[in-house]
Amino acid sequence: MSLSVAEQFGNEGFAVGLISRNPEKLKNLKEYLDAKGIESYTAAGDAGSAEDLTNAIQTLGEYLGGFDVVHYNAAVVKAQDILAESSESLTKEFTVNVANTLHTLQITYPDLKQKQGALLLTGGGLALTPSADYGSLSIGKAALRSLAYQLHSRLKIENIHVGLLTVDGLIDPASKTHSPEELAKLFYALYLDRSIVEIHHAAESTHYKSL
């Protein structure tokens, strides 16, 4: 989905920056965006490491001349019974799913404040309907939703917009409602309407919530 969001914003005139642990993946993504005529830059980094993220974000910031919009889409997605988790596994995955979202904001905060920018977050239906089969991710998405609401309220007085797209259902390229392209359009709508804290998107309906 990150690629579709990058393409959506690129088509609206933004230069885009991408972070991934996989340099080969980044190379392929950049080649795709280049072929679409979208200015793009990449930096390798692990969302589980605050140091890695800091270095990658700072590198992209130099290329881009700062940040107008930041999309945090990192998550550890795995099927595992909650009773099979440990305090160590929950903590490690919480770092990716939630904690480094806040770290990303803190690193980009000066730019977002100066540019009256936006932080967009990828939520999930597990935040609302948790599953013991996806225990760690359910906890992460619930906490991310809480963080999004907190940051939206806290930062709107500084003209920074924080919005959450809660994707309720599986992302499927063949889906009429949950394809990456359709979700990217919702992210752009979330960016445009700064009153919206959350878009809850399910197959049967889409709800917009403002604070």
N, C-alpha and C. Protein backbone atom coordinates (compact mmCIF):
# COMPACT_ATOMS: atom_id res chain seq x y z
N MET A 1 0.81 -1.20 0.00
CA MET A 1 0.00 0.00 0.00
C MET A 1 0.85 1.26 0.00
N SER A 2 2.02 1.19 0.61
CA SER A 2 2.88 2.39 0.67
C SER A 2 3.18 2.93 -0.72
N LEU A 3 3.41 2.02 -1.67
CA LEU A 3 3.71 2.45 -3.03
C LEU A 3 2.53 3.20 -3.63
N SER A 4 1.33 2.71 -3.42
CA SER A 4 0.15 3.38 -3.97
C SER A 4 -0.05 4.75 -3.34
N VAL A 5 0.23 4.87 -2.05
CA VAL A 5 0.13 6.18 -1.39
C VAL A 5 1.19 7.12 -1.95
N ALA A 6 2.41 6.61 -2.14
CA ALA A 6 3.46 7.43 -2.73
C ALA A 6 3.07 7.89 -4.13
N GLU A 7 2.50 6.99 -4.91
CA GLU A 7 2.08 7.34 -6.27
C GLU A 7 0.94 8.36 -6.25
N GLN A 8 -0.01 8.19 -5.33
CA GLN A 8 -1.12 9.13 -5.22
C GLN A 8 -0.62 10.54 -4.91
N PHE A 9 0.26 10.65 -3.93
CA PHE A 9 0.78 11.97 -3.57
C PHE A 9 1.72 12.49 -4.65
N GLY A 10 2.48 11.60 -5.26
CA GLY A 10 3.35 12.02 -6.35
C GLY A 10 2.57 12.60 -7.51
N ASN A 11 1.44 11.99 -7.82
CA ASN A 11 0.59 12.50 -8.90
C ASN A 11 -0.04 13.85 -8.55
N GLU A 12 -0.05 14.17 -7.27
CA GLU A 12 -0.57 15.48 -6.83
C GLU A 12 0.54 16.52 -6.73
N GLY A 13 1.75 16.15 -7.17
CA GLY A 13 2.83 17.12 -7.23
C GLY A 13 3.86 17.03 -6.13
N PHE A 14 3.74 16.05 -5.24
CA PHE A 14 4.71 15.88 -4.16
C PHE A 14 5.91 15.08 -4.64
N ALA A 15 7.10 15.46 -4.18
CA ALA A 15 8.24 14.55 -4.23
C ALA A 15 8.10 13.61 -3.03
N VAL A 16 8.48 12.35 -3.19
CA VAL A 16 8.23 11.37 -2.13
C VAL A 16 9.52 10.70 -1.70
N GLY A 17 9.53 10.29 -0.44
CA GLY A 17 10.65 9.54 0.12
C GLY A 17 10.15 8.24 0.70
N LEU A 18 10.91 7.17 0.52
CA LEU A 18 10.51 5.84 0.96
C LEU A 18 11.58 5.24 1.86
N ILE A 19 11.15 4.56 2.93
CA ILE A 19 12.05 3.86 3.84
C ILE A 19 11.65 2.40 3.89
N SER A 20 12.65 1.51 3.80
CA SER A 20 12.42 0.08 3.93
C SER A 20 13.72 -0.56 4.42
N ARG A 21 13.59 -1.73 5.05
CA ARG A 21 14.79 -2.47 5.45
C ARG A 21 15.50 -3.07 4.24
N ASN A 22 14.77 -3.24 3.16
CA ASN A 22 15.25 -4.00 2.01
C ASN A 22 15.72 -3.08 0.89
N PRO A 23 17.03 -2.94 0.68
CA PRO A 23 17.53 -2.05 -0.38
C PRO A 23 17.05 -2.45 -1.77
N GLU A 24 16.93 -3.74 -2.03
CA GLU A 24 16.47 -4.19 -3.35
C GLU A 24 15.03 -3.77 -3.59
N LYS A 25 14.21 -3.88 -2.55
CA LYS A 25 12.82 -3.42 -2.66
C LYS A 25 12.77 -1.93 -2.94
N LEU A 26 13.60 -1.17 -2.26
CA LEU A 26 13.64 0.28 -2.48
C LEU A 26 14.04 0.60 -3.91
N LYS A 27 15.00 -0.14 -4.43
CA LYS A 27 15.45 0.07 -5.81
C LYS A 27 14.29 -0.14 -6.78
N ASN A 28 13.54 -1.21 -6.58
CA ASN A 28 12.41 -1.51 -7.47
C ASN A 28 11.30 -0.46 -7.35
N LEU A 29 11.04 -0.01 -6.13
CA LEU A 29 10.01 1.01 -5.94
C LEU A 29 10.39 2.32 -6.61
N LYS A 30 11.65 2.68 -6.46
CA LYS A 30 12.11 3.93 -7.09
C LYS A 30 12.05 3.84 -8.61
N GLU A 31 12.42 2.70 -9.16
CA GLU A 31 12.35 2.53 -10.61
C GLU A 31 10.91 2.67 -11.09
N TYR A 32 9.96 2.12 -10.33
CA TYR A 32 8.54 2.23 -10.69
C TYR A 32 8.10 3.69 -10.68
N LEU A 33 8.44 4.40 -9.62
CA LEU A 33 8.03 5.80 -9.50
C LEU A 33 8.72 6.67 -10.55
N ASP A 34 9.98 6.38 -10.82
CA ASP A 34 10.70 7.12 -11.87
C ASP A 34 9.99 6.96 -13.21
N ALA A 35 9.54 5.74 -13.49
CA ALA A 35 8.86 5.48 -14.76
C ALA A 35 7.53 6.23 -14.85
N LYS A 36 6.96 6.55 -13.69
CA LYS A 36 5.71 7.32 -13.65
C LYS A 36 5.96 8.82 -13.66
N GLY A 37 7.23 9.20 -13.68
CA GLY A 37 7.56 10.62 -13.68
C GLY A 37 7.45 11.28 -12.32
N ILE A 38 7.53 10.48 -11.25
CA ILE A 38 7.41 10.99 -9.89
C ILE A 38 8.80 11.10 -9.27
N GLU A 39 9.11 12.27 -8.76
CA GLU A 39 10.40 12.48 -8.10
C GLU A 39 10.41 11.71 -6.78
N SER A 40 11.40 10.84 -6.61
CA SER A 40 11.41 10.00 -5.41
C SER A 40 12.82 9.78 -4.91
N TYR A 41 12.90 9.53 -3.61
CA TYR A 41 14.18 9.26 -2.95
C TYR A 41 13.97 8.11 -1.98
N THR A 42 15.05 7.41 -1.66
CA THR A 42 14.94 6.26 -0.77
C THR A 42 16.04 6.29 0.28
N ALA A 43 15.77 5.62 1.40
CA ALA A 43 16.76 5.44 2.45
C ALA A 43 16.46 4.13 3.16
N ALA A 44 17.47 3.31 3.37
CA ALA A 44 17.29 2.04 4.06
C ALA A 44 17.19 2.30 5.56
N GLY A 45 16.25 1.60 6.20
CA GLY A 45 16.10 1.75 7.64
C GLY A 45 15.11 0.74 8.19
N ASP A 46 15.31 0.35 9.44
CA ASP A 46 14.47 -0.64 10.11
C ASP A 46 13.54 0.09 11.08
N ALA A 47 12.24 -0.09 10.90
CA ALA A 47 11.26 0.58 11.77
C ALA A 47 11.32 0.09 13.21
N GLY A 48 12.05 -0.99 13.45
CA GLY A 48 12.22 -1.48 14.81
C GLY A 48 13.36 -0.81 15.54
N SER A 49 14.10 0.04 14.86
CA SER A 49 15.26 0.70 15.44
C SER A 49 15.09 2.21 15.36
N ALA A 50 15.04 2.86 16.51
CA ALA A 50 14.91 4.32 16.53
C ALA A 50 16.11 4.97 15.86
N GLU A 51 17.29 4.41 16.07
CA GLU A 51 18.49 4.97 15.45
C GLU A 51 18.44 4.86 13.93
N ASP A 52 18.03 3.70 13.44
CA ASP A 52 17.87 3.50 12.00
C ASP A 52 16.88 4.49 11.41
N LEU A 53 15.74 4.63 12.07
CA LEU A 53 14.72 5.54 11.58
C LEU A 53 15.22 6.98 11.56
N THR A 54 15.91 7.36 12.61
CA THR A 54 16.44 8.72 12.67
C THR A 54 17.36 8.99 11.49
N ASN A 55 18.28 8.07 11.24
CA ASN A 55 19.23 8.25 10.13
C ASN A 55 18.52 8.29 8.79
N ALA A 56 17.55 7.38 8.59
CA ALA A 56 16.84 7.34 7.31
C ALA A 56 16.00 8.60 7.10
N ILE A 57 15.32 9.03 8.14
CA ILE A 57 14.48 10.23 8.03
C ILE A 57 15.34 11.46 7.76
N GLN A 58 16.46 11.56 8.45
CA GLN A 58 17.34 12.72 8.23
C GLN A 58 17.90 12.72 6.81
N THR A 59 18.23 11.54 6.30
CA THR A 59 18.71 11.44 4.92
C THR A 59 17.65 11.91 3.94
N LEU A 60 16.42 11.42 4.11
CA LEU A 60 15.34 11.83 3.20
C LEU A 60 15.04 13.32 3.35
N GLY A 61 15.13 13.82 4.57
CA GLY A 61 14.88 15.23 4.79
C GLY A 61 15.84 16.12 4.02
N GLU A 62 17.09 15.67 3.92
CA GLU A 62 18.07 16.43 3.14
C GLU A 62 17.73 16.40 1.66
N TYR A 63 17.31 15.24 1.17
CA TYR A 63 16.92 15.13 -0.25
C TYR A 63 15.69 15.96 -0.56
N LEU A 64 14.71 15.91 0.34
CA LEU A 64 13.40 16.51 0.06
C LEU A 64 13.30 17.97 0.47
N GLY A 65 14.25 18.42 1.26
CA GLY A 65 14.15 19.78 1.78
C GLY A 65 13.12 19.90 2.88
N GLY A 66 12.97 18.84 3.66
CA GLY A 66 12.00 18.81 4.74
C GLY A 66 10.76 18.02 4.38
N PHE A 67 9.84 17.96 5.33
CA PHE A 67 8.65 17.11 5.17
C PHE A 67 7.37 17.91 5.30
N ASP A 68 6.48 17.74 4.32
CA ASP A 68 5.13 18.30 4.38
C ASP A 68 4.13 17.27 4.90
N VAL A 69 4.34 16.02 4.52
CA VAL A 69 3.45 14.93 4.91
C VAL A 69 4.31 13.72 5.26
N VAL A 70 3.95 13.04 6.34
CA VAL A 70 4.63 11.81 6.74
C VAL A 70 3.57 10.71 6.86
N HIS A 71 3.83 9.58 6.22
CA HIS A 71 2.92 8.43 6.31
C HIS A 71 3.65 7.30 7.03
N TYR A 72 3.16 6.92 8.20
CA TYR A 72 3.76 5.80 8.94
C TYR A 72 2.89 4.56 8.71
N ASN A 73 3.49 3.57 8.06
CA ASN A 73 2.75 2.39 7.63
C ASN A 73 3.38 1.10 8.15
N ALA A 74 4.40 1.22 9.00
CA ALA A 74 5.12 0.03 9.47
C ALA A 74 4.30 -0.75 10.48
N ALA A 75 4.36 -2.08 10.38
CA ALA A 75 3.67 -2.95 11.34
C ALA A 75 4.26 -4.35 11.22
N VAL A 76 4.25 -5.06 12.33
CA VAL A 76 4.61 -6.48 12.32
C VAL A 76 3.32 -7.26 12.20
N VAL A 77 3.12 -7.87 11.04
CA VAL A 77 1.87 -8.60 10.77
C VAL A 77 2.17 -10.09 10.79
N LYS A 78 1.64 -10.77 11.80
CA LYS A 78 1.84 -12.21 11.88
C LYS A 78 0.66 -12.84 12.62
N ALA A 79 0.31 -14.05 12.21
CA ALA A 79 -0.73 -14.81 12.90
C ALA A 79 -0.07 -15.61 14.02
N GLN A 80 -0.40 -15.25 15.25
CA GLN A 80 0.12 -15.99 16.40
C GLN A 80 -0.81 -15.80 17.59
N ASP A 81 -1.17 -16.91 18.21
CA ASP A 81 -2.06 -16.87 19.37
C ASP A 81 -1.46 -15.99 20.46
N ILE A 82 -2.31 -15.22 21.12
CA ILE A 82 -1.84 -14.31 22.15
C ILE A 82 -1.11 -15.05 23.27
N LEU A 83 -1.51 -16.31 23.56
CA LEU A 83 -0.86 -17.06 24.62
C LEU A 83 0.54 -17.53 24.23
N ALA A 84 0.84 -17.48 22.94
CA ALA A 84 2.18 -17.84 22.48
C ALA A 84 3.13 -16.66 22.49
N GLU A 85 2.62 -15.48 22.78
CA GLU A 85 3.47 -14.29 22.86
C GLU A 85 4.19 -14.25 24.21
N SER A 86 5.24 -13.46 24.25
CA SER A 86 5.98 -13.23 25.48
C SER A 86 6.06 -11.73 25.72
N SER A 87 6.48 -11.34 26.90
CA SER A 87 6.65 -9.91 27.15
C SER A 87 7.68 -9.33 26.20
N GLU A 88 8.70 -10.14 25.86
CA GLU A 88 9.74 -9.66 24.95
C GLU A 88 9.20 -9.48 23.53
N SER A 89 8.41 -10.44 23.05
CA SER A 89 7.89 -10.33 21.68
C SER A 89 6.89 -9.18 21.57
N LEU A 90 6.04 -9.03 22.59
CA LEU A 90 5.08 -7.92 22.57
C LEU A 90 5.78 -6.58 22.57
N THR A 91 6.81 -6.47 23.40
CA THR A 91 7.55 -5.20 23.49
C THR A 91 8.26 -4.88 22.19
N LYS A 92 8.90 -5.90 21.60
CA LYS A 92 9.63 -5.69 20.35
C LYS A 92 8.69 -5.24 19.23
N GLU A 93 7.55 -5.89 19.12
CA GLU A 93 6.61 -5.55 18.05
C GLU A 93 5.87 -4.25 18.33
N PHE A 94 5.65 -3.94 19.61
CA PHE A 94 5.03 -2.66 19.96
C PHE A 94 5.92 -1.50 19.52
N THR A 95 7.22 -1.72 19.54
CA THR A 95 8.15 -0.68 19.09
C THR A 95 7.88 -0.31 17.64
N VAL A 96 7.69 -1.33 16.80
CA VAL A 96 7.41 -1.08 15.37
C VAL A 96 5.99 -0.55 15.19
N ASN A 97 5.04 -1.19 15.84
CA ASN A 97 3.63 -0.91 15.60
C ASN A 97 3.18 0.44 16.15
N VAL A 98 3.83 0.90 17.23
CA VAL A 98 3.34 2.10 17.92
C VAL A 98 4.46 3.07 18.30
N ALA A 99 5.41 2.59 19.09
CA ALA A 99 6.37 3.50 19.71
C ALA A 99 7.17 4.31 18.70
N ASN A 100 7.59 3.67 17.63
CA ASN A 100 8.39 4.41 16.65
C ASN A 100 7.54 5.27 15.72
N THR A 101 6.22 5.15 15.83
CA THR A 101 5.35 6.15 15.22
C THR A 101 5.59 7.49 15.90
N LEU A 102 5.58 7.46 17.23
CA LEU A 102 5.84 8.69 17.99
C LEU A 102 7.24 9.20 17.72
N HIS A 103 8.21 8.29 17.65
CA HIS A 103 9.59 8.70 17.36
C HIS A 103 9.67 9.39 16.00
N THR A 104 8.99 8.83 15.01
CA THR A 104 8.99 9.44 13.68
C THR A 104 8.42 10.85 13.72
N LEU A 105 7.34 11.02 14.47
CA LEU A 105 6.77 12.36 14.62
C LEU A 105 7.78 13.30 15.27
N GLN A 106 8.43 12.83 16.31
CA GLN A 106 9.37 13.70 17.03
C GLN A 106 10.53 14.14 16.15
N ILE A 107 10.97 13.27 15.25
CA ILE A 107 12.07 13.62 14.35
C ILE A 107 11.61 14.62 13.29
N THR A 108 10.39 14.46 12.81
CA THR A 108 9.89 15.31 11.73
C THR A 108 9.11 16.52 12.24
N TYR A 109 8.90 16.60 13.53
CA TYR A 109 8.08 17.66 14.12
C TYR A 109 8.49 19.07 13.70
N PRO A 110 9.78 19.42 13.72
CA PRO A 110 10.13 20.80 13.33
C PRO A 110 9.66 21.16 11.92
N ASP A 111 9.83 20.22 10.98
CA ASP A 111 9.37 20.46 9.60
C ASP A 111 7.85 20.56 9.54
N LEU A 112 7.17 19.63 10.20
CA LEU A 112 5.71 19.62 10.14
C LEU A 112 5.13 20.89 10.77
N LYS A 113 5.77 21.37 11.82
CA LYS A 113 5.29 22.61 12.44
C LYS A 113 5.52 23.81 11.52
N GLN A 114 6.71 23.87 10.93
CA GLN A 114 7.03 24.99 10.05
C GLN A 114 6.13 25.00 8.82
N LYS A 115 5.86 23.81 8.27
CA LYS A 115 5.11 23.70 7.03
C LYS A 115 3.62 23.48 7.24
N GLN A 116 3.19 23.45 8.53
CA GLN A 116 1.80 23.13 8.85
C GLN A 116 1.40 21.83 8.15
N GLY A 117 2.22 20.81 8.40
CA GLY A 117 2.10 19.56 7.67
C GLY A 117 1.17 18.54 8.32
N ALA A 118 1.34 17.28 7.92
CA ALA A 118 0.42 16.23 8.35
C ALA A 118 1.16 14.92 8.60
N LEU A 119 0.68 14.19 9.59
CA LEU A 119 1.13 12.83 9.87
C LEU A 119 -0.06 11.91 9.65
N LEU A 120 0.08 10.97 8.72
CA LEU A 120 -0.98 10.02 8.38
C LEU A 120 -0.58 8.63 8.85
N LEU A 121 -1.52 7.94 9.50
CA LEU A 121 -1.23 6.64 10.10
C LEU A 121 -2.16 5.57 9.54
N THR A 122 -1.61 4.36 9.41
CA THR A 122 -2.39 3.22 8.92
C THR A 122 -2.88 2.40 10.10
N GLY A 123 -4.18 2.47 10.34
CA GLY A 123 -4.79 1.67 11.40
C GLY A 123 -5.41 0.40 10.83
N GLY A 124 -6.04 -0.35 11.69
CA GLY A 124 -6.65 -1.60 11.25
C GLY A 124 -7.89 -1.94 12.05
N GLY A 125 -8.73 -2.79 11.46
CA GLY A 125 -9.96 -3.20 12.12
C GLY A 125 -9.73 -3.93 13.43
N LEU A 126 -8.53 -4.49 13.60
CA LEU A 126 -8.21 -5.19 14.85
C LEU A 126 -8.22 -4.24 16.05
N ALA A 127 -8.10 -2.95 15.80
CA ALA A 127 -8.20 -1.98 16.89
C ALA A 127 -9.59 -1.97 17.49
N LEU A 128 -10.59 -2.27 16.67
CA LEU A 128 -11.99 -2.24 17.09
C LEU A 128 -12.53 -3.62 17.42
N THR A 129 -12.02 -4.63 16.71
CA THR A 129 -12.44 -6.01 16.93
C THR A 129 -11.19 -6.88 17.07
N PRO A 130 -10.60 -6.91 18.25
CA PRO A 130 -9.34 -7.64 18.43
C PRO A 130 -9.52 -9.14 18.26
N SER A 131 -8.42 -9.79 17.86
CA SER A 131 -8.43 -11.23 17.64
C SER A 131 -7.28 -11.87 18.40
N ALA A 132 -7.57 -12.91 19.15
CA ALA A 132 -6.52 -13.63 19.86
C ALA A 132 -5.57 -14.33 18.90
N ASP A 133 -6.00 -14.53 17.65
CA ASP A 133 -5.13 -15.14 16.65
C ASP A 133 -4.08 -14.16 16.13
N TYR A 134 -4.36 -12.88 16.29
CA TYR A 134 -3.42 -11.81 15.92
C TYR A 134 -3.24 -10.91 17.15
N GLY A 135 -2.82 -11.53 18.24
CA GLY A 135 -2.81 -10.85 19.52
C GLY A 135 -1.94 -9.61 19.57
N SER A 136 -0.70 -9.74 19.16
CA SER A 136 0.22 -8.61 19.22
C SER A 136 -0.22 -7.48 18.31
N LEU A 137 -0.64 -7.81 17.10
CA LEU A 137 -1.08 -6.77 16.16
C LEU A 137 -2.36 -6.10 16.65
N SER A 138 -3.27 -6.86 17.28
CA SER A 138 -4.49 -6.28 17.84
C SER A 138 -4.15 -5.23 18.90
N ILE A 139 -3.20 -5.57 19.76
CA ILE A 139 -2.76 -4.62 20.79
C ILE A 139 -2.14 -3.39 20.13
N GLY A 140 -1.31 -3.63 19.13
CA GLY A 140 -0.64 -2.53 18.45
C GLY A 140 -1.60 -1.58 17.76
N LYS A 141 -2.58 -2.13 17.06
CA LYS A 141 -3.53 -1.27 16.34
C LYS A 141 -4.42 -0.49 17.30
N ALA A 142 -4.79 -1.11 18.42
CA ALA A 142 -5.58 -0.39 19.41
C ALA A 142 -4.79 0.77 20.00
N ALA A 143 -3.53 0.51 20.31
CA ALA A 143 -2.68 1.57 20.87
C ALA A 143 -2.40 2.66 19.85
N LEU A 144 -2.22 2.28 18.59
CA LEU A 144 -1.98 3.27 17.54
C LEU A 144 -3.19 4.18 17.38
N ARG A 145 -4.37 3.61 17.47
CA ARG A 145 -5.59 4.43 17.37
C ARG A 145 -5.65 5.43 18.51
N SER A 146 -5.34 4.98 19.70
CA SER A 146 -5.30 5.90 20.84
C SER A 146 -4.27 7.00 20.63
N LEU A 147 -3.10 6.63 20.15
CA LEU A 147 -2.05 7.61 19.88
C LEU A 147 -2.50 8.63 18.84
N ALA A 148 -3.16 8.15 17.80
CA ALA A 148 -3.63 9.05 16.73
C ALA A 148 -4.60 10.10 17.28
N TYR A 149 -5.53 9.66 18.11
CA TYR A 149 -6.49 10.60 18.69
C TYR A 149 -5.80 11.60 19.61
N GLN A 150 -4.85 11.12 20.39
CA GLN A 150 -4.11 12.02 21.28
C GLN A 150 -3.34 13.07 20.48
N LEU A 151 -2.62 12.61 19.46
CA LEU A 151 -1.80 13.53 18.67
C LEU A 151 -2.66 14.50 17.88
N HIS A 152 -3.79 14.03 17.37
CA HIS A 152 -4.68 14.92 16.63
C HIS A 152 -5.10 16.10 17.52
N SER A 153 -5.52 15.79 18.74
CA SER A 153 -5.96 16.84 19.66
C SER A 153 -4.80 17.73 20.10
N ARG A 154 -3.67 17.11 20.37
CA ARG A 154 -2.51 17.85 20.88
C ARG A 154 -1.90 18.77 19.83
N LEU A 155 -1.85 18.33 18.59
CA LEU A 155 -1.08 19.06 17.58
C LEU A 155 -1.91 19.98 16.70
N LYS A 156 -3.23 19.87 16.73
CA LYS A 156 -4.02 20.75 15.86
C LYS A 156 -3.87 22.21 16.27
N ILE A 157 -3.54 22.47 17.53
CA ILE A 157 -3.32 23.85 17.96
C ILE A 157 -2.03 24.42 17.38
N GLU A 158 -1.18 23.53 16.87
CA GLU A 158 0.07 23.94 16.22
C GLU A 158 -0.03 23.82 14.71
N ASN A 159 -1.25 23.62 14.22
CA ASN A 159 -1.52 23.50 12.78
C ASN A 159 -0.81 22.30 12.15
N ILE A 160 -0.64 21.24 12.94
CA ILE A 160 -0.18 19.95 12.42
C ILE A 160 -1.37 19.00 12.44
N HIS A 161 -1.65 18.39 11.31
CA HIS A 161 -2.80 17.48 11.19
C HIS A 161 -2.34 16.04 11.37
N VAL A 162 -3.01 15.32 12.26
CA VAL A 162 -2.76 13.89 12.44
C VAL A 162 -4.05 13.15 12.13
N GLY A 163 -3.97 12.20 11.20
CA GLY A 163 -5.16 11.46 10.80
C GLY A 163 -4.87 9.97 10.67
N LEU A 164 -5.88 9.17 10.95
CA LEU A 164 -5.77 7.71 10.94
C LEU A 164 -6.76 7.13 9.94
N LEU A 165 -6.25 6.25 9.07
CA LEU A 165 -7.13 5.46 8.20
C LEU A 165 -7.22 4.07 8.78
N THR A 166 -8.38 3.72 9.33
CA THR A 166 -8.60 2.39 9.88
C THR A 166 -9.10 1.49 8.76
N VAL A 167 -8.24 0.60 8.32
CA VAL A 167 -8.56 -0.31 7.21
C VAL A 167 -9.18 -1.56 7.81
N ASP A 168 -10.49 -1.66 7.71
CA ASP A 168 -11.22 -2.79 8.28
C ASP A 168 -11.45 -3.81 7.17
N GLY A 169 -10.60 -4.81 7.12
CA GLY A 169 -10.66 -5.80 6.05
C GLY A 169 -9.29 -6.01 5.43
N LEU A 170 -9.19 -7.01 4.60
CA LEU A 170 -7.91 -7.35 3.98
C LEU A 170 -7.64 -6.48 2.76
N ILE A 171 -6.41 -6.05 2.63
CA ILE A 171 -6.00 -5.30 1.44
C ILE A 171 -5.82 -6.29 0.30
N ASP A 172 -6.48 -6.02 -0.81
CA ASP A 172 -6.49 -6.95 -1.94
C ASP A 172 -6.46 -6.15 -3.24
N PRO A 173 -5.44 -6.35 -4.07
CA PRO A 173 -5.36 -5.60 -5.33
C PRO A 173 -6.58 -5.76 -6.22
N ALA A 174 -7.30 -6.87 -6.08
CA ALA A 174 -8.47 -7.12 -6.93
C ALA A 174 -9.77 -6.57 -6.33
N SER A 175 -9.70 -6.05 -5.11
CA SER A 175 -10.90 -5.59 -4.43
C SER A 175 -11.36 -4.23 -4.95
N LYS A 176 -12.68 -4.05 -5.04
CA LYS A 176 -13.23 -2.76 -5.45
C LYS A 176 -13.17 -1.75 -4.32
N THR A 177 -13.08 -2.24 -3.08
CA THR A 177 -13.09 -1.34 -1.92
C THR A 177 -11.76 -1.29 -1.18
N HIS A 178 -10.98 -2.37 -1.25
CA HIS A 178 -9.77 -2.47 -0.43
C HIS A 178 -8.50 -2.67 -1.25
N SER A 179 -8.51 -2.21 -2.48
CA SER A 179 -7.27 -2.23 -3.26
C SER A 179 -6.34 -1.14 -2.73
N PRO A 180 -5.03 -1.29 -2.89
CA PRO A 180 -4.11 -0.24 -2.47
C PRO A 180 -4.43 1.11 -3.09
N GLU A 181 -4.89 1.11 -4.33
CA GLU A 181 -5.21 2.36 -5.02
C GLU A 181 -6.39 3.07 -4.37
N GLU A 182 -7.43 2.32 -4.01
CA GLU A 182 -8.59 2.92 -3.35
C GLU A 182 -8.22 3.46 -1.97
N LEU A 183 -7.38 2.72 -1.26
CA LEU A 183 -6.96 3.17 0.07
C LEU A 183 -6.08 4.41 -0.04
N ALA A 184 -5.27 4.48 -1.08
CA ALA A 184 -4.43 5.67 -1.27
C ALA A 184 -5.29 6.92 -1.49
N LYS A 185 -6.40 6.76 -2.19
CA LYS A 185 -7.32 7.90 -2.39
C LYS A 185 -7.87 8.37 -1.04
N LEU A 186 -8.16 7.42 -0.15
CA LEU A 186 -8.67 7.79 1.17
C LEU A 186 -7.60 8.51 1.99
N PHE A 187 -6.36 8.07 1.85
CA PHE A 187 -5.28 8.77 2.55
C PHE A 187 -5.17 10.21 2.06
N TYR A 188 -5.34 10.41 0.77
CA TYR A 188 -5.25 11.78 0.26
C TYR A 188 -6.44 12.61 0.75
N ALA A 189 -7.61 12.00 0.82
CA ALA A 189 -8.78 12.70 1.38
C ALA A 189 -8.55 13.05 2.84
N LEU A 190 -7.91 12.14 3.57
CA LEU A 190 -7.59 12.38 4.98
C LEU A 190 -6.61 13.54 5.12
N TYR A 191 -5.68 13.62 4.19
CA TYR A 191 -4.72 14.73 4.19
C TYR A 191 -5.41 16.06 3.92
N LEU A 192 -6.36 16.07 3.00
CA LEU A 192 -7.00 17.32 2.59
C LEU A 192 -7.93 17.89 3.66
N ASP A 193 -8.63 17.03 4.38
CA ASP A 193 -9.61 17.50 5.37
C ASP A 193 -9.01 17.38 6.77
N ARG A 194 -8.51 18.48 7.27
CA ARG A 194 -7.79 18.47 8.54
C ARG A 194 -8.72 18.35 9.75
N SER A 195 -10.01 18.39 9.53
CA SER A 195 -10.94 18.19 10.64
C SER A 195 -11.11 16.71 10.98
N ILE A 196 -10.72 15.84 10.06
CA ILE A 196 -10.95 14.40 10.24
C ILE A 196 -9.82 13.79 11.06
N VAL A 197 -10.17 13.11 12.14
CA VAL A 197 -9.18 12.38 12.92
C VAL A 197 -9.09 10.93 12.44
N GLU A 198 -10.22 10.36 11.96
CA GLU A 198 -10.21 8.95 11.55
C GLU A 198 -11.19 8.72 10.42
N ILE A 199 -10.73 7.96 9.44
CA ILE A 199 -11.62 7.37 8.44
C ILE A 199 -11.66 5.87 8.73
N HIS A 200 -12.86 5.37 9.03
CA HIS A 200 -13.04 3.93 9.25
C HIS A 200 -13.63 3.35 7.98
N HIS A 201 -12.81 2.56 7.29
CA HIS A 201 -13.18 2.06 5.97
C HIS A 201 -13.39 0.56 6.01
N ALA A 202 -14.63 0.14 5.81
CA ALA A 202 -14.98 -1.27 5.72
C ALA A 202 -15.60 -1.53 4.35
N ALA A 203 -15.81 -2.80 4.03
CA ALA A 203 -16.32 -3.15 2.70
C ALA A 203 -17.71 -2.56 2.47
N GLU A 204 -18.51 -2.51 3.54
CA GLU A 204 -19.90 -2.07 3.37
C GLU A 204 -20.09 -0.57 3.55
N SER A 205 -19.13 0.11 4.17
CA SER A 205 -19.32 1.54 4.42
C SER A 205 -18.00 2.21 4.80
N THR A 206 -18.00 3.54 4.69
CA THR A 206 -16.86 4.35 5.10
C THR A 206 -17.37 5.47 5.98
N HIS A 207 -16.79 5.59 7.18
CA HIS A 207 -17.23 6.61 8.13
C HIS A 207 -16.08 7.57 8.42
N TYR A 208 -16.42 8.84 8.51
CA TYR A 208 -15.45 9.89 8.78
C TYR A 208 -15.74 10.47 10.16
N LYS A 209 -14.71 10.53 11.01
CA LYS A 209 -14.90 11.07 12.35
C LYS A 209 -14.04 12.30 12.55
N SER A 210 -14.67 13.37 13.02
CA SER A 210 -13.97 14.62 13.30
C SER A 210 -14.01 14.90 14.79
N LEU A 211 -13.04 15.68 15.26
CA LEU A 211 -13.01 16.12 16.65
C LEU A 211 -13.13 17.63 16.70
